[in-house]
Protein backbone atom coordinates (compact mmCIF):
# COMPACT_ATOMS: atom_id res chain seq x y z
CA UNK A 1 99.75 82.44 117.16
CA UNK A 2 99.02 86.03 118.17
CA UNK A 3 95.92 88.17 117.77
CA UNK A 4 97.62 89.99 114.89
CA UNK A 5 98.34 86.66 113.21
CA UNK A 6 94.67 85.68 113.46
CA UNK A 7 93.45 88.99 112.04
CA UNK A 8 95.87 88.76 109.12
CA UNK A 9 94.99 85.15 108.32
CA UNK A 10 91.27 85.86 108.54
CA UNK A 11 91.26 88.24 105.59
CA UNK A 12 88.28 90.64 105.39
CA UNK A 13 86.99 91.09 108.92
CA UNK A 14 83.28 90.74 109.78
CA UNK A 15 81.53 93.96 110.67
CA UNK A 16 78.21 95.40 111.73
CA UNK A 17 76.35 97.71 109.39
CA UNK A 18 77.77 101.27 109.24
CA UNK A 19 74.56 102.57 110.83
CA UNK A 20 74.83 100.16 113.77
CA UNK A 21 78.48 101.06 114.38
CA UNK A 22 77.71 104.77 114.22
CA UNK A 23 74.83 104.25 116.65
CA UNK A 24 77.18 102.45 119.05
CA UNK A 25 79.61 105.33 118.85
CA UNK A 26 76.85 107.85 119.54
CA UNK A 27 75.29 106.00 122.45
CA UNK A 28 78.62 104.90 123.89
CA UNK A 29 79.79 108.48 124.34
CA UNK A 30 79.20 110.60 127.44
CA UNK A 31 77.06 113.08 125.51
CA UNK A 32 74.46 111.50 123.23
CA UNK A 33 73.43 113.78 120.38
CA UNK A 34 69.83 113.03 119.28
CA UNK A 35 70.51 114.40 115.80
CA UNK A 36 73.48 112.05 115.35
CA UNK A 37 71.39 109.06 116.45
CA UNK A 38 68.66 109.91 113.96
CA UNK A 39 71.16 110.58 111.19
CA UNK A 40 72.84 107.20 111.75
CA UNK A 41 69.52 105.40 111.33
CA UNK A 42 68.07 107.46 108.50
CA UNK A 43 71.09 106.87 106.27
CA UNK A 44 70.37 103.13 106.28
CA UNK A 45 66.97 102.68 104.56
CA UNK A 46 67.02 98.90 104.94
CA UNK A 47 67.67 99.12 108.66
CA UNK A 48 65.01 101.81 109.05
CA UNK A 49 62.41 99.69 107.25
CA UNK A 50 63.14 96.67 109.45
CA UNK A 51 63.08 98.82 112.58
CA UNK A 52 59.66 100.26 111.74
CA UNK A 53 58.34 96.76 110.95
CA UNK A 54 59.45 95.54 114.38
CA UNK A 55 58.10 98.63 116.11
CA UNK A 56 54.68 98.02 114.58
CA UNK A 57 54.62 94.29 115.26
CA UNK A 58 52.24 92.86 117.89
CA UNK A 59 55.25 91.54 119.81
CA UNK A 60 56.31 95.06 120.82
CA UNK A 61 52.84 95.88 122.07
CA UNK A 62 52.73 99.56 121.11
CA UNK A 63 49.22 100.99 120.74
CA UNK A 64 50.25 103.90 118.52
CA UNK A 65 51.46 103.10 115.02
CA UNK A 66 55.04 104.27 114.40
CA UNK A 67 55.64 105.82 110.99
CA UNK A 68 59.15 107.30 111.33
CA UNK A 69 62.47 106.91 113.12
CA UNK A 70 61.82 110.22 114.91
CA UNK A 71 58.57 108.85 116.30
CA UNK A 72 60.23 105.58 117.30
CA UNK A 73 62.91 107.51 119.18
CA UNK A 74 60.27 109.62 120.93
CA UNK A 75 58.12 106.67 122.02
CA UNK A 76 60.84 104.12 122.79
CA UNK A 77 63.72 106.28 124.01
CA UNK A 78 67.39 106.04 123.08
CA UNK A 79 68.22 102.87 124.97
CA UNK A 80 65.32 100.71 123.78
CA UNK A 81 65.86 101.92 120.23
CA UNK A 82 69.53 101.02 120.55
CA UNK A 83 68.65 97.51 121.72
CA UNK A 84 66.32 96.91 118.78
CA UNK A 85 68.81 98.15 116.20
CA UNK A 86 71.68 96.17 117.69
CA UNK A 87 69.59 93.02 117.95
CA UNK A 88 68.88 93.27 114.23
CA UNK A 89 72.46 94.10 113.27
CA UNK A 90 73.99 91.44 115.52
CA UNK A 91 71.47 88.90 114.28
CA UNK A 92 72.74 89.45 110.73
CA UNK A 93 76.33 89.09 111.90
CA UNK A 94 75.98 86.16 114.30
CA UNK A 95 73.25 84.17 112.62
CA UNK A 96 75.48 81.93 110.51
CA UNK A 97 76.69 78.45 111.38
CA UNK A 98 80.28 77.99 112.61
CA UNK A 99 81.39 74.42 111.86
CA UNK A 100 84.72 74.94 113.66
CA UNK A 101 82.74 75.50 116.86
CA UNK A 102 80.04 72.95 116.03
CA UNK A 103 77.54 75.82 116.17
CA UNK A 104 74.43 75.63 114.03
CA UNK A 105 72.86 78.64 112.33
CA UNK A 106 71.22 81.10 114.77
CA UNK A 107 72.56 79.24 117.84
CA UNK A 108 75.36 81.74 118.52
CA UNK A 109 72.93 84.61 117.96
CA UNK A 110 70.46 83.22 120.50
CA UNK A 111 73.26 82.65 123.02
CA UNK A 112 74.51 86.23 122.62
CA UNK A 113 71.00 87.68 122.91
CA UNK A 114 70.30 85.74 126.11
CA UNK A 115 73.70 86.82 127.44
CA UNK A 116 72.92 90.46 126.62
CA UNK A 117 69.57 90.36 128.39
CA UNK A 118 71.00 88.58 131.44
CA UNK A 119 74.00 90.92 131.60
CA UNK A 120 71.68 93.90 131.57
CA UNK A 121 69.68 92.51 134.49
CA UNK A 122 72.81 91.64 136.45
CA UNK A 123 74.30 95.09 135.84
CA UNK A 124 71.20 96.63 137.38
CA UNK A 125 72.00 94.88 140.68
CA UNK A 126 75.63 96.06 141.00
CA UNK A 127 77.06 99.56 141.66
CA UNK A 128 76.56 101.95 138.76
CA UNK A 129 80.30 102.51 138.37
CA UNK A 130 80.83 98.81 137.60
CA UNK A 131 79.03 98.61 134.26
CA UNK A 132 75.97 100.53 133.05
CA UNK A 133 73.05 98.24 132.11
CA UNK A 134 72.90 99.47 128.51
CA UNK A 135 76.64 98.96 128.07
CA UNK A 136 76.32 95.50 129.64
CA UNK A 137 73.57 94.67 127.14
CA UNK A 138 75.70 95.69 124.17
CA UNK A 139 78.82 93.99 125.53
CA UNK A 140 76.82 90.80 126.06
CA UNK A 141 75.48 90.96 122.53
CA UNK A 142 78.99 91.28 121.09
CA UNK A 143 80.98 89.21 123.58
CA UNK A 144 81.49 86.25 121.23
CA UNK A 145 82.23 88.07 117.95
CA UNK A 146 85.80 86.79 118.17
CA UNK A 147 84.50 83.33 117.33
CA UNK A 148 83.56 84.58 113.86
CA UNK A 149 87.17 85.50 113.17
CA UNK A 150 88.86 82.58 114.92
CA UNK A 151 86.58 80.04 113.25
CA UNK A 152 87.72 81.26 109.84
CA UNK A 153 91.37 80.40 110.53
CA UNK A 154 91.02 77.12 112.44
CA UNK A 155 91.94 73.98 110.54
CA UNK A 156 90.59 70.53 111.37
CA UNK A 157 93.58 69.55 113.50
CA UNK A 158 93.41 72.69 115.64
CA UNK A 159 89.65 72.33 116.03
CA UNK A 160 90.01 68.71 117.15
CA UNK A 161 92.77 69.61 119.61
CA UNK A 162 90.71 72.37 121.20
CA UNK A 163 87.70 70.07 121.56
CA UNK A 164 89.88 67.33 123.05
CA UNK A 165 91.26 69.73 125.65
CA UNK A 166 87.71 70.68 126.63
CA UNK A 167 86.21 67.18 126.64
CA UNK A 168 89.18 65.19 127.95
CA UNK A 169 91.08 67.62 130.15
CA UNK A 170 88.08 69.60 131.40
CA UNK A 171 89.52 72.89 130.17
CA UNK A 172 87.27 75.87 129.56
CA UNK A 173 86.91 77.16 126.01
CA UNK A 174 89.27 80.08 126.79
CA UNK A 175 91.86 77.78 128.40
CA UNK A 176 91.74 75.29 125.54
CA UNK A 177 92.09 77.98 122.87
CA UNK A 178 95.04 79.57 124.66
CA UNK A 179 96.67 76.20 125.22
CA UNK A 180 96.36 75.06 121.61
CA UNK A 181 96.38 78.32 119.66
CA UNK A 182 98.11 80.78 121.97
CA UNK A 183 95.12 83.12 121.82
CA UNK A 184 91.40 82.91 122.65
CA UNK A 185 88.26 84.23 120.99
CA UNK A 186 87.79 86.93 123.66
CA UNK A 187 91.13 88.54 122.81
CA UNK A 188 90.36 88.30 119.10
CA UNK A 189 86.93 89.81 119.69
CA UNK A 190 88.47 92.71 121.58
CA UNK A 191 90.78 93.38 118.65
CA UNK A 192 87.82 93.27 116.27
CA UNK A 193 85.88 95.84 118.32
CA UNK A 194 89.00 98.00 118.31
CA UNK A 195 89.15 97.68 114.52
CA UNK A 196 85.55 98.86 114.39
CA UNK A 197 86.71 101.92 116.37
CA UNK A 198 84.03 101.49 119.02
CA UNK A 199 84.22 103.64 122.18
CA UNK A 200 86.11 102.36 125.22
CA UNK A 201 83.10 101.05 127.23
CA UNK A 202 82.68 98.24 124.70
CA UNK A 203 86.38 97.37 124.69
CA UNK A 204 86.90 96.98 128.44
CA UNK A 205 89.34 94.22 129.46
CA UNK A 206 87.43 91.10 130.57
CA UNK A 207 86.96 90.71 134.33
CA UNK A 208 86.26 87.03 134.43
CA UNK A 209 85.24 86.86 138.08
CA UNK A 210 83.07 89.95 138.46
CA UNK A 211 81.83 91.13 135.07
CA UNK A 212 78.04 90.90 134.58
CA UNK A 213 78.76 89.93 130.98
CA UNK A 214 81.00 87.05 132.07
CA UNK A 215 78.45 85.80 134.59
CA UNK A 216 75.64 86.09 132.05
CA UNK A 217 77.66 84.20 129.44
CA UNK A 218 78.24 81.38 131.91
CA UNK A 219 74.53 81.20 132.69
CA UNK A 220 73.67 80.93 129.01
CA UNK A 221 76.62 78.65 128.16
CA UNK A 222 74.44 75.54 127.64
CA UNK A 223 72.99 77.28 124.58
CA UNK A 224 76.37 77.63 122.92
CA UNK A 225 79.64 76.19 124.19
């Protein structure tokens, strides 16, 4: 099975909200345009309403009440605003259960959020040219989206074989998927991000030994294997 086979068998591909994807494109470019960021958010009333509710929640700890996206951008800055929007959008996408992976509802989402936060911290300790902290955060948040697609095409026999390779042979998830299926969820996830037409920083080839995202995912692996 190839990545193309998986994408064809999966049918309609999962996606983030149009506003979240547009925001990723804006903030992933070398020249962020404030007007484009605001436009991306304002054209999604539901996302804007949820964003303002979070901004005014006690958990965020802001003294001043935020009444508009413009004000949120001014007080929080581009990067923090990006994190909040992506956390909401990814939560919608990753919050479902995945029986093929024995993942309960919200478990994958929590794993990806912890990975994103850890990747951001790790990226702050390595040379800037390696991976910018904000890019590491986003990459960590989306690093397991391939599981959404792969889970939709796995039958019971394939699922059992992958689990047996992990539990009996001691293979990693990536090794087991490649051994049984000929492709792993990371490759499928990369193809999905390409289909979303996200900028290149979010579609970097995995560097399994040095990437802050890879290290962060390993640290948070007990949450979601």
